[in-house]
Amino acid sequence: MKLAVAGKGGMGKTTICAGLALALAEQGERVMAVDADPNNCLGFALGIPAEKLEGIKPISEMKELLEERAGSRGGGMYNLAPEVADLIDQFKVSWGGLDLLVMGTIDRGGGGCACPLNSALKQLLRELVALPVSLLVDMEAGLEHLGRGTAAAVNAFLVVVDATPAALRTARRTAKLAAELGVQNVWAVGNRVTTQEQRQAIQRGLDGIPVIGFVREHPGLSQEGVFAGEAGKGLREDIYAILDVLRARA
């Protein structure tokens, strides 16, 4: 199963992504979780101990390394398919039956061309998609890392929403971009849904994007992982229900 998870900031996509990764690992799957969000919070949501995460630098911030791999240092030409497969084993963190790779994203605010850096990250994501593992990618709201070939290899693109108009607009825009990249399955997950009215508002506002499940409000999720504690038990139930739907559809 290869899943990319996106949504407007604050929608809980990292929680959903971590929950799905943990559920798959609990079921004996080999899991690679990829943090491609600039906030880099996926490791904590997975419950990986802080000492194992301390000092981890997102690969996207290793500018010299990425430029070297893309062959762009000192010139305007660069390689569209650089050698980056070895970076996976070099920088992944293994814990609790799954692997985490903190990939990050390219910040364009500093000026200059980020094309070689994005080329290296897109190739890295292509290498990850090709691995014989279940892949969960915690994306930023945009689809900067996804090229057409990578997107076509993803089983599904999950957009996490709540019932607010801003979240629904972001979901519709994200689904449109994903479809343009060749993603065949674009589905939504409603998060923090407590009433039937919220469910109906989400379904109306998604303009035909299929909703594959809802996650209830689970206040007090532990900093030791989204499945820890009493709140985590309820989240696990919701995530397993969504995973059952994903297995039936993917």
C-alpha atoms as a PDB file:
ATOM      1  CA  MET A   1       0.000   0.000   0.000  1.00  0.00           C
ATOM      2  CA  LYS A   2       1.400   3.359  -1.060  1.00  0.00           C
ATOM      3  CA  LEU A   3      -0.450   6.356   0.390  1.00  0.00           C
ATOM      4  CA  ALA A   4       0.179  10.102   0.303  1.00  0.00           C
ATOM      5  CA  VAL A   5      -1.629  12.081   3.009  1.00  0.00           C
ATOM      6  CA  ALA A   6      -2.263  15.812   2.642  1.00  0.00           C
ATOM      7  CA  GLY A   7      -4.598  18.564   3.793  1.00  0.00           C
ATOM      8  CA  LYS A   8      -4.766  22.114   5.039  1.00  0.00           C
ATOM      9  CA  GLY A   9      -2.533  22.897   7.997  1.00  0.00           C
ATOM     10  CA  GLY A  10      -4.082  21.960  11.311  1.00  0.00           C
ATOM     11  CA  MET A  11      -6.414  19.310   9.894  1.00  0.00           C
ATOM     12  CA  GLY A  12      -4.625  16.463  11.663  1.00  0.00           C
ATOM     13  CA  LYS A  13      -3.068  14.841   8.599  1.00  0.00           C
ATOM     14  CA  THR A  14       0.073  13.939  10.542  1.00  0.00           C
ATOM     15  CA  THR A  15      -2.086  12.193  13.149  1.00  0.00           C
ATOM     16  CA  ILE A  16      -3.943  10.248  10.436  1.00  0.00           C
ATOM     17  CA  CYS A  17      -0.708   9.379   8.616  1.00  0.00           C
ATOM     18  CA  ALA A  18       0.948   8.193  11.831  1.00  0.00           C
ATOM     19  CA  GLY A  19      -2.115   6.179  12.799  1.00  0.00           C
ATOM     20  CA  LEU A  20      -2.211   4.366   9.469  1.00  0.00           C
ATOM     21  CA  ALA A  21       1.524   3.643   9.641  1.00  0.00           C
ATOM     22  CA  LEU A  22       1.227   2.254  13.172  1.00  0.00           C
ATOM     23  CA  ALA A  23      -1.826   0.159  12.263  1.00  0.00           C
ATOM     24  CA  LEU A  24      -0.035  -1.386   9.289  1.00  0.00           C
ATOM     25  CA  ALA A  25       3.028  -2.112  11.441  1.00  0.00           C
ATOM     26  CA  GLU A  26       0.822  -3.727  14.093  1.00  0.00           C
ATOM     27  CA  GLN A  27      -0.537  -6.014  11.372  1.00  0.00           C
ATOM     28  CA  GLY A  28       2.962  -7.172  10.484  1.00  0.00           C
ATOM     29  CA  GLU A  29       3.532  -5.017   7.397  1.00  0.00           C
ATOM     30  CA  ARG A  30       6.932  -3.580   6.579  1.00  0.00           C
ATOM     31  CA  VAL A  31       6.287   0.146   6.821  1.00  0.00           C
ATOM     32  CA  MET A  32       8.207   3.192   5.641  1.00  0.00           C
ATOM     33  CA  ALA A  33       6.838   6.483   6.974  1.00  0.00           C
ATOM     34  CA  VAL A  34       8.085   9.599   5.175  1.00  0.00           C
ATOM     35  CA  ASP A  35       7.869  13.066   6.683  1.00  0.00           C
ATOM     36  CA  ALA A  36       7.610  15.450   3.730  1.00  0.00           C
ATOM     37  CA  ASP A  37       5.974  18.248   5.720  1.00  0.00           C
ATOM     38  CA  PRO A  38       7.991  21.333   6.730  1.00  0.00           C
ATOM     39  CA  ASN A  39       6.883  20.950  10.371  1.00  0.00           C
ATOM     40  CA  ASN A  40       8.594  17.530  10.684  1.00  0.00           C
ATOM     41  CA  CYS A  41       6.314  16.186  13.458  1.00  0.00           C
ATOM     42  CA  LEU A  42       5.658  12.677  12.138  1.00  0.00           C
ATOM     43  CA  GLY A  43       8.314  10.999  14.276  1.00  0.00           C
ATOM     44  CA  PHE A  44       6.739  12.268  17.503  1.00  0.00           C
ATOM     45  CA  ALA A  45       3.260  11.230  16.322  1.00  0.00           C
ATOM     46  CA  LEU A  46       4.640   7.728  15.720  1.00  0.00           C
ATOM     47  CA  GLY A  47       5.869   7.615  19.300  1.00  0.00           C
ATOM     48  CA  ILE A  48       9.544   7.371  18.408  1.00  0.00           C
ATOM     49  CA  PRO A  49      11.558   8.318  21.523  1.00  0.00           C
ATOM     50  CA  ALA A  50      12.865  11.876  21.541  1.00  0.00           C
ATOM     51  CA  GLU A  51      16.476  10.704  21.908  1.00  0.00           C
ATOM     52  CA  LYS A  52      16.244   8.845  18.585  1.00  0.00           C
ATOM     53  CA  LEU A  53      14.833  11.951  16.876  1.00  0.00           C
ATOM     54  CA  GLU A  54      17.249  14.415  18.440  1.00  0.00           C
ATOM     55  CA  GLY A  55      19.539  16.010  15.911  1.00  0.00           C
ATOM     56  CA  ILE A  56      17.764  14.631  12.840  1.00  0.00           C
ATOM     57  CA  LYS A  57      18.119  17.051   9.941  1.00  0.00           C
ATOM     58  CA  PRO A  58      15.615  16.851   7.089  1.00  0.00           C
ATOM     59  CA  ILE A  59      17.252  15.675   3.883  1.00  0.00           C
ATOM     60  CA  SER A  60      15.825  18.752   2.137  1.00  0.00           C
ATOM     61  CA  GLU A  61      18.097  20.916   4.295  1.00  0.00           C
ATOM     62  CA  MET A  62      21.222  19.055   3.155  1.00  0.00           C
ATOM     63  CA  LYS A  63      21.655  21.483   0.300  1.00  0.00           C
ATOM     64  CA  GLU A  64      25.248  20.661  -0.603  1.00  0.00           C
ATOM     65  CA  LEU A  65      24.548  16.931  -0.632  1.00  0.00           C
ATOM     66  CA  LEU A  66      21.460  17.306  -2.842  1.00  0.00           C
ATOM     67  CA  GLU A  67      23.235  19.672  -5.223  1.00  0.00           C
ATOM     68  CA  GLU A  68      26.145  17.260  -5.486  1.00  0.00           C
ATOM     69  CA  ARG A  69      23.799  14.341  -6.248  1.00  0.00           C
ATOM     70  CA  ALA A  70      21.923  16.418  -8.815  1.00  0.00           C
ATOM     71  CA  GLY A  71      25.232  17.409 -10.438  1.00  0.00           C
ATOM     72  CA  SER A  72      24.385  21.088 -10.259  1.00  0.00           C
ATOM     73  CA  ARG A  73      27.249  22.515  -8.237  1.00  0.00           C
ATOM     74  CA  GLY A  74      29.050  25.102 -10.310  1.00  0.00           C
ATOM     75  CA  GLY A  75      26.721  25.064 -13.315  1.00  0.00           C
ATOM     76  CA  GLY A  76      23.170  25.475 -14.518  1.00  0.00           C
ATOM     77  CA  MET A  77      22.724  21.894 -15.751  1.00  0.00           C
ATOM     78  CA  TYR A  78      21.477  19.199 -13.392  1.00  0.00           C
ATOM     79  CA  ASN A  79      20.489  15.538 -13.406  1.00  0.00           C
ATOM     80  CA  LEU A  80      16.756  14.782 -13.465  1.00  0.00           C
ATOM     81  CA  ALA A  81      17.312  11.299 -12.004  1.00  0.00           C
ATOM     82  CA  PRO A  82      20.251  11.553  -9.572  1.00  0.00           C
ATOM     83  CA  GLU A  83      21.558   8.643  -7.507  1.00  0.00           C
ATOM     84  CA  VAL A  84      19.858   8.988  -4.129  1.00  0.00           C
ATOM     85  CA  ALA A  85      18.709   5.460  -3.196  1.00  0.00           C
ATOM     86  CA  ASP A  86      21.544   5.060  -0.677  1.00  0.00           C
ATOM     87  CA  LEU A  87      20.226   8.041   1.310  1.00  0.00           C
ATOM     88  CA  ILE A  88      17.262   5.967   2.486  1.00  0.00           C
ATOM     89  CA  ASP A  89      19.323   3.502   4.538  1.00  0.00           C
ATOM     90  CA  GLN A  90      21.774   6.222   5.516  1.00  0.00           C
ATOM     91  CA  PHE A  91      19.229   8.545   7.116  1.00  0.00           C
ATOM     92  CA  LYS A  92      16.213   6.427   8.092  1.00  0.00           C
ATOM     93  CA  VAL A  93      15.305   5.846  11.745  1.00  0.00           C
ATOM     94  CA  SER A  94      14.053   2.370  12.667  1.00  0.00           C
ATOM     95  CA  TRP A  95      11.750   1.881  15.618  1.00  0.00           C
ATOM     96  CA  GLY A  96       8.834  -0.322  16.644  1.00  0.00           C
ATOM     97  CA  GLY A  97       8.624  -2.331  13.446  1.00  0.00           C
ATOM     98  CA  LEU A  98       8.695   0.624  11.059  1.00  0.00           C
ATOM     99  CA  ASP A  99      11.154   3.025   9.458  1.00  0.00           C
ATOM    100  CA  LEU A 100      10.956   6.827   9.366  1.00  0.00           C
ATOM    101  CA  LEU A 101      12.660   9.050   6.807  1.00  0.00           C
ATOM    102  CA  VAL A 102      12.542  12.794   7.446  1.00  0.00           C
ATOM    103  CA  MET A 103      12.637  14.196   3.925  1.00  0.00           C
ATOM    104  CA  GLY A 104      11.284  17.705   4.505  1.00  0.00           C
ATOM    105  CA  THR A 105      10.463  20.135   1.735  1.00  0.00           C
ATOM    106  CA  ILE A 106      12.250  22.833  -0.212  1.00  0.00           C
ATOM    107  CA  ASP A 107      11.818  26.407   1.018  1.00  0.00           C
ATOM    108  CA  ARG A 108      11.650  28.682  -2.016  1.00  0.00           C
ATOM    109  CA  GLY A 109      11.601  31.856   0.074  1.00  0.00           C
ATOM    110  CA  GLY A 110      15.365  32.238   0.130  1.00  0.00           C
ATOM    111  CA  GLY A 111      15.678  33.045  -3.557  1.00  0.00           C
ATOM    112  CA  GLY A 112      17.637  31.229  -6.203  1.00  0.00           C
ATOM    113  CA  CYS A 113      16.634  28.200  -8.246  1.00  0.00           C
ATOM    114  CA  ALA A 114      15.481  25.224  -6.207  1.00  0.00           C
ATOM    115  CA  CYS A 115      15.115  23.007  -9.283  1.00  0.00           C
ATOM    116  CA  PRO A 116      18.141  20.727  -8.636  1.00  0.00           C
ATOM    117  CA  LEU A 117      17.095  20.248  -5.017  1.00  0.00           C
ATOM    118  CA  ASN A 118      13.535  19.367  -6.005  1.00  0.00           C
ATOM    119  CA  SER A 119      14.899  17.030  -8.664  1.00  0.00           C
ATOM    120  CA  ALA A 120      16.830  15.115  -6.010  1.00  0.00           C
ATOM    121  CA  LEU A 121      13.836  14.940  -3.656  1.00  0.00           C
ATOM    122  CA  LYS A 122      11.483  13.780  -6.411  1.00  0.00           C
ATOM    123  CA  GLN A 123      13.934  11.040  -7.329  1.00  0.00           C
ATOM    124  CA  LEU A 124      14.194  10.069  -3.672  1.00  0.00           C
ATOM    125  CA  LEU A 125      10.409   9.738  -3.501  1.00  0.00           C
ATOM    126  CA  ARG A 126      10.447   7.597  -6.652  1.00  0.00           C
ATOM    127  CA  GLU A 127      12.965   5.302  -4.965  1.00  0.00           C
ATOM    128  CA  LEU A 128      10.755   5.117  -1.870  1.00  0.00           C
ATOM    129  CA  VAL A 129       7.652   4.246  -3.881  1.00  0.00           C
ATOM    130  CA  ALA A 130       9.566   1.396  -5.521  1.00  0.00           C
ATOM    131  CA  LEU A 131      10.473  -0.227  -2.193  1.00  0.00           C
ATOM    132  CA  PRO A 132       8.653  -3.498  -1.293  1.00  0.00           C
ATOM    133  CA  VAL A 133       7.046  -1.887   1.765  1.00  0.00           C
ATOM    134  CA  SER A 134       3.853  -0.133   2.770  1.00  0.00           C
ATOM    135  CA  LEU A 135       4.616   3.565   2.254  1.00  0.00           C
ATOM    136  CA  LEU A 136       2.923   6.438   4.112  1.00  0.00           C
ATOM    137  CA  VAL A 137       3.958   9.960   3.084  1.00  0.00           C
ATOM    138  CA  ASP A 138       2.956  12.912   5.262  1.00  0.00           C
ATOM    139  CA  MET A 139       2.798  15.620   2.587  1.00  0.00           C
ATOM    140  CA  GLU A 140       2.582  19.368   2.867  1.00  0.00           C
ATOM    141  CA  ALA A 141      -0.575  20.958   1.453  1.00  0.00           C
ATOM    142  CA  GLY A 142       1.074  21.306  -1.961  1.00  0.00           C
ATOM    143  CA  LEU A 143       2.288  18.515  -4.207  1.00  0.00           C
ATOM    144  CA  GLU A 144       5.777  19.818  -4.866  1.00  0.00           C
ATOM    145  CA  HIS A 145       7.505  16.445  -4.494  1.00  0.00           C
ATOM    146  CA  LEU A 146       5.127  14.495  -6.723  1.00  0.00           C
ATOM    147  CA  GLY A 147       6.012  14.034 -10.380  1.00  0.00           C
ATOM    148  CA  ARG A 148       3.733  12.211 -12.806  1.00  0.00           C
ATOM    149  CA  GLY A 149       5.592   8.914 -12.576  1.00  0.00           C
ATOM    150  CA  THR A 150       5.645   8.957  -8.783  1.00  0.00           C
ATOM    151  CA  ALA A 151       2.002   9.973  -8.470  1.00  0.00           C
ATOM    152  CA  ALA A 152       0.863   7.190 -10.781  1.00  0.00           C
ATOM    153  CA  ALA A 153       2.573   4.635  -8.515  1.00  0.00           C
ATOM    154  CA  VAL A 154       0.713   5.791  -5.402  1.00  0.00           C
ATOM    155  CA  ASN A 155      -2.343   3.670  -4.557  1.00  0.00           C
ATOM    156  CA  ALA A 156      -4.270   6.612  -3.209  1.00  0.00           C
ATOM    157  CA  PHE A 157      -4.059  10.219  -2.194  1.00  0.00           C
ATOM    158  CA  LEU A 158      -5.821  10.899   1.128  1.00  0.00           C
ATOM    159  CA  VAL A 159      -6.973  14.443   1.844  1.00  0.00           C
ATOM    160  CA  VAL A 160      -7.735  15.103   5.515  1.00  0.00           C
ATOM    161  CA  VAL A 161     -10.502  17.655   6.150  1.00  0.00           C
ATOM    162  CA  ASP A 162     -12.871  18.984   8.752  1.00  0.00           C
ATOM    163  CA  ALA A 163     -16.187  20.729   8.089  1.00  0.00           C
ATOM    164  CA  THR A 164     -14.763  24.254   7.678  1.00  0.00           C
ATOM    165  CA  PRO A 165     -15.015  25.961   4.249  1.00  0.00           C
ATOM    166  CA  ALA A 166     -11.252  26.630   4.116  1.00  0.00           C
ATOM    167  CA  ALA A 167     -10.425  22.956   4.654  1.00  0.00           C
ATOM    168  CA  LEU A 168     -12.919  21.880   2.001  1.00  0.00           C
ATOM    169  CA  ARG A 169     -11.542  24.390  -0.525  1.00  0.00           C
ATOM    170  CA  THR A 170      -8.015  23.111   0.085  1.00  0.00           C
ATOM    171  CA  ALA A 171      -9.227  19.536  -0.347  1.00  0.00           C
ATOM    172  CA  ARG A 172     -10.898  20.297  -3.693  1.00  0.00           C
ATOM    173  CA  ARG A 173      -7.804  22.113  -4.963  1.00  0.00           C
ATOM    174  CA  THR A 174      -5.478  19.342  -3.781  1.00  0.00           C
ATOM    175  CA  ALA A 175      -7.647  16.673  -5.407  1.00  0.00           C
ATOM    176  CA  LYS A 176      -7.599  18.593  -8.692  1.00  0.00           C
ATOM    177  CA  LEU A 177      -3.801  18.849  -8.655  1.00  0.00           C
ATOM    178  CA  ALA A 178      -3.438  15.176  -7.747  1.00  0.00           C
ATOM    179  CA  ALA A 179      -5.736  14.140 -10.599  1.00  0.00           C
ATOM    180  CA  GLU A 180      -3.696  16.243 -13.034  1.00  0.00           C
ATOM    181  CA  LEU A 181      -0.609  14.279 -11.935  1.00  0.00           C
ATOM    182  CA  GLY A 182      -2.306  10.985 -12.731  1.00  0.00           C
ATOM    183  CA  VAL A 183      -3.397   9.886  -9.267  1.00  0.00           C
ATOM    184  CA  GLN A 184      -6.390   7.633  -9.918  1.00  0.00           C
ATOM    185  CA  ASN A 185      -7.678   7.420  -6.343  1.00  0.00           C
ATOM    186  CA  VAL A 186      -8.240  10.663  -4.460  1.00  0.00           C
ATOM    187  CA  TRP A 187     -10.207  10.091  -1.260  1.00  0.00           C
ATOM    188  CA  ALA A 188     -11.063  12.154   1.806  1.00  0.00           C
ATOM    189  CA  VAL A 189     -10.942  11.427   5.512  1.00  0.00           C
ATOM    190  CA  GLY A 190     -13.052  13.582   7.815  1.00  0.00           C
ATOM    191  CA  ASN A 191     -11.236  14.395  11.048  1.00  0.00           C
ATOM    192  CA  ARG A 192     -12.540  15.608  14.426  1.00  0.00           C
ATOM    193  CA  VAL A 193     -16.095  14.824  13.364  1.00  0.00           C
ATOM    194  CA  THR A 194     -18.565  14.683  16.253  1.00  0.00           C
ATOM    195  CA  THR A 195     -21.992  15.304  14.698  1.00  0.00           C
ATOM    196  CA  GLN A 196     -24.067  14.102  11.769  1.00  0.00           C
ATOM    197  CA  GLU A 197     -24.270  17.702  10.569  1.00  0.00           C
ATOM    198  CA  GLN A 198     -20.476  17.836  10.272  1.00  0.00           C
ATOM    199  CA  ARG A 199     -20.448  14.602   8.280  1.00  0.00           C
ATOM    200  CA  GLN A 200     -23.044  15.983   5.888  1.00  0.00           C
ATOM    201  CA  ALA A 201     -21.218  19.311   5.538  1.00  0.00           C
ATOM    202  CA  ILE A 202     -18.002  17.484   4.636  1.00  0.00           C
ATOM    203  CA  GLN A 203     -19.709  15.276   2.064  1.00  0.00           C
ATOM    204  CA  ARG A 204     -21.504  18.263   0.485  1.00  0.00           C
ATOM    205  CA  GLY A 205     -18.400  20.436   0.412  1.00  0.00           C
ATOM    206  CA  LEU A 206     -16.063  17.940  -1.246  1.00  0.00           C
ATOM    207  CA  ASP A 207     -17.710  18.170  -4.662  1.00  0.00           C
ATOM    208  CA  GLY A 208     -17.778  14.437  -5.291  1.00  0.00           C
ATOM    209  CA  ILE A 209     -14.506  13.398  -3.634  1.00  0.00           C
ATOM    210  CA  PRO A 210     -15.336  10.046  -1.959  1.00  0.00           C
ATOM    211  CA  VAL A 211     -15.170  10.037   1.844  1.00  0.00           C
ATOM    212  CA  ILE A 212     -13.696   6.737   3.053  1.00  0.00           C
ATOM    213  CA  GLY A 213     -14.099   7.337   6.759  1.00  0.00           C
ATOM    214  CA  PHE A 214     -14.385   9.679   9.706  1.00  0.00           C
ATOM    215  CA  VAL A 215     -12.225  10.137  12.774  1.00  0.00           C
ATOM    216  CA  ARG A 216     -13.887  11.342  15.941  1.00  0.00           C
ATOM    217  CA  GLU A 217     -12.529  14.015  18.270  1.00  0.00           C
ATOM    218  CA  HIS A 218      -9.951  12.403  20.564  1.00  0.00           C
ATOM    219  CA  PRO A 219      -8.727  15.067  23.003  1.00  0.00           C
ATOM    220  CA  GLY A 220      -5.569  14.421  24.935  1.00  0.00           C
ATOM    221  CA  LEU A 221      -3.605  12.330  22.434  1.00  0.00           C
ATOM    222  CA  SER A 222      -0.284  11.410  24.007  1.00  0.00           C
ATOM    223  CA  GLN A 223       3.044  12.941  23.085  1.00  0.00           C
ATOM    224  CA  GLU A 224       4.367   9.354  23.201  1.00  0.00           C
ATOM    225  CA  GLY A 225       2.503   8.431  20.015  1.00  0.00           C
ATOM    226  CA  VAL A 226      -1.009   8.791  18.690  1.00  0.00           C
ATOM    227  CA  PHE A 227      -2.046   5.288  19.820  1.00  0.00           C
ATOM    228  CA  ALA A 228      -0.820   5.725  23.402  1.00  0.00           C
ATOM    229  CA  GLY A 229      -3.169   6.203  26.345  1.00  0.00           C
ATOM    230  CA  GLU A 230      -6.953   6.171  26.554  1.00  0.00           C
ATOM    231  CA  ALA A 231      -7.389   8.715  23.742  1.00  0.00           C
ATOM    232  CA  GLY A 232      -5.192   6.581  21.531  1.00  0.00           C
ATOM    233  CA  LYS A 233      -7.483   3.571  21.958  1.00  0.00           C
ATOM    234  CA  GLY A 234     -10.381   5.444  20.376  1.00  0.00           C
ATOM    235  CA  LEU A 235      -8.190   6.734  17.564  1.00  0.00           C
ATOM    236  CA  ARG A 236      -6.952   3.202  16.872  1.00  0.00           C
ATOM    237  CA  GLU A 237     -10.551   2.041  16.377  1.00  0.00           C
ATOM    238  CA  ASP A 238     -11.234   4.801  13.855  1.00  0.00           C
ATOM    239  CA  ILE A 239      -7.954   4.232  11.995  1.00  0.00           C
ATOM    240  CA  TYR A 240      -8.511   0.469  11.738  1.00  0.00           C
ATOM    241  CA  ALA A 241     -11.959   1.111  10.243  1.00  0.00           C
ATOM    242  CA  ILE A 242     -10.403   3.401   7.620  1.00  0.00           C
ATOM    243  CA  LEU A 243      -7.676   0.847   6.924  1.00  0.00           C
ATOM    244  CA  ASP A 244     -10.315  -1.810   6.240  1.00  0.00           C
ATOM    245  CA  VAL A 245     -11.889   0.471   3.618  1.00  0.00           C
ATOM    246  CA  LEU A 246      -8.486   1.209   2.089  1.00  0.00           C
ATOM    247  CA  ARG A 247      -7.674  -2.481   1.760  1.00  0.00           C
ATOM    248  CA  ALA A 248     -11.009  -3.074   0.031  1.00  0.00           C
ATOM    249  CA  ARG A 249     -10.514  -0.209  -2.416  1.00  0.00           C
ATOM    250  CA  ALA A 250      -6.756  -0.090  -3.108  1.00  0.00           C
END
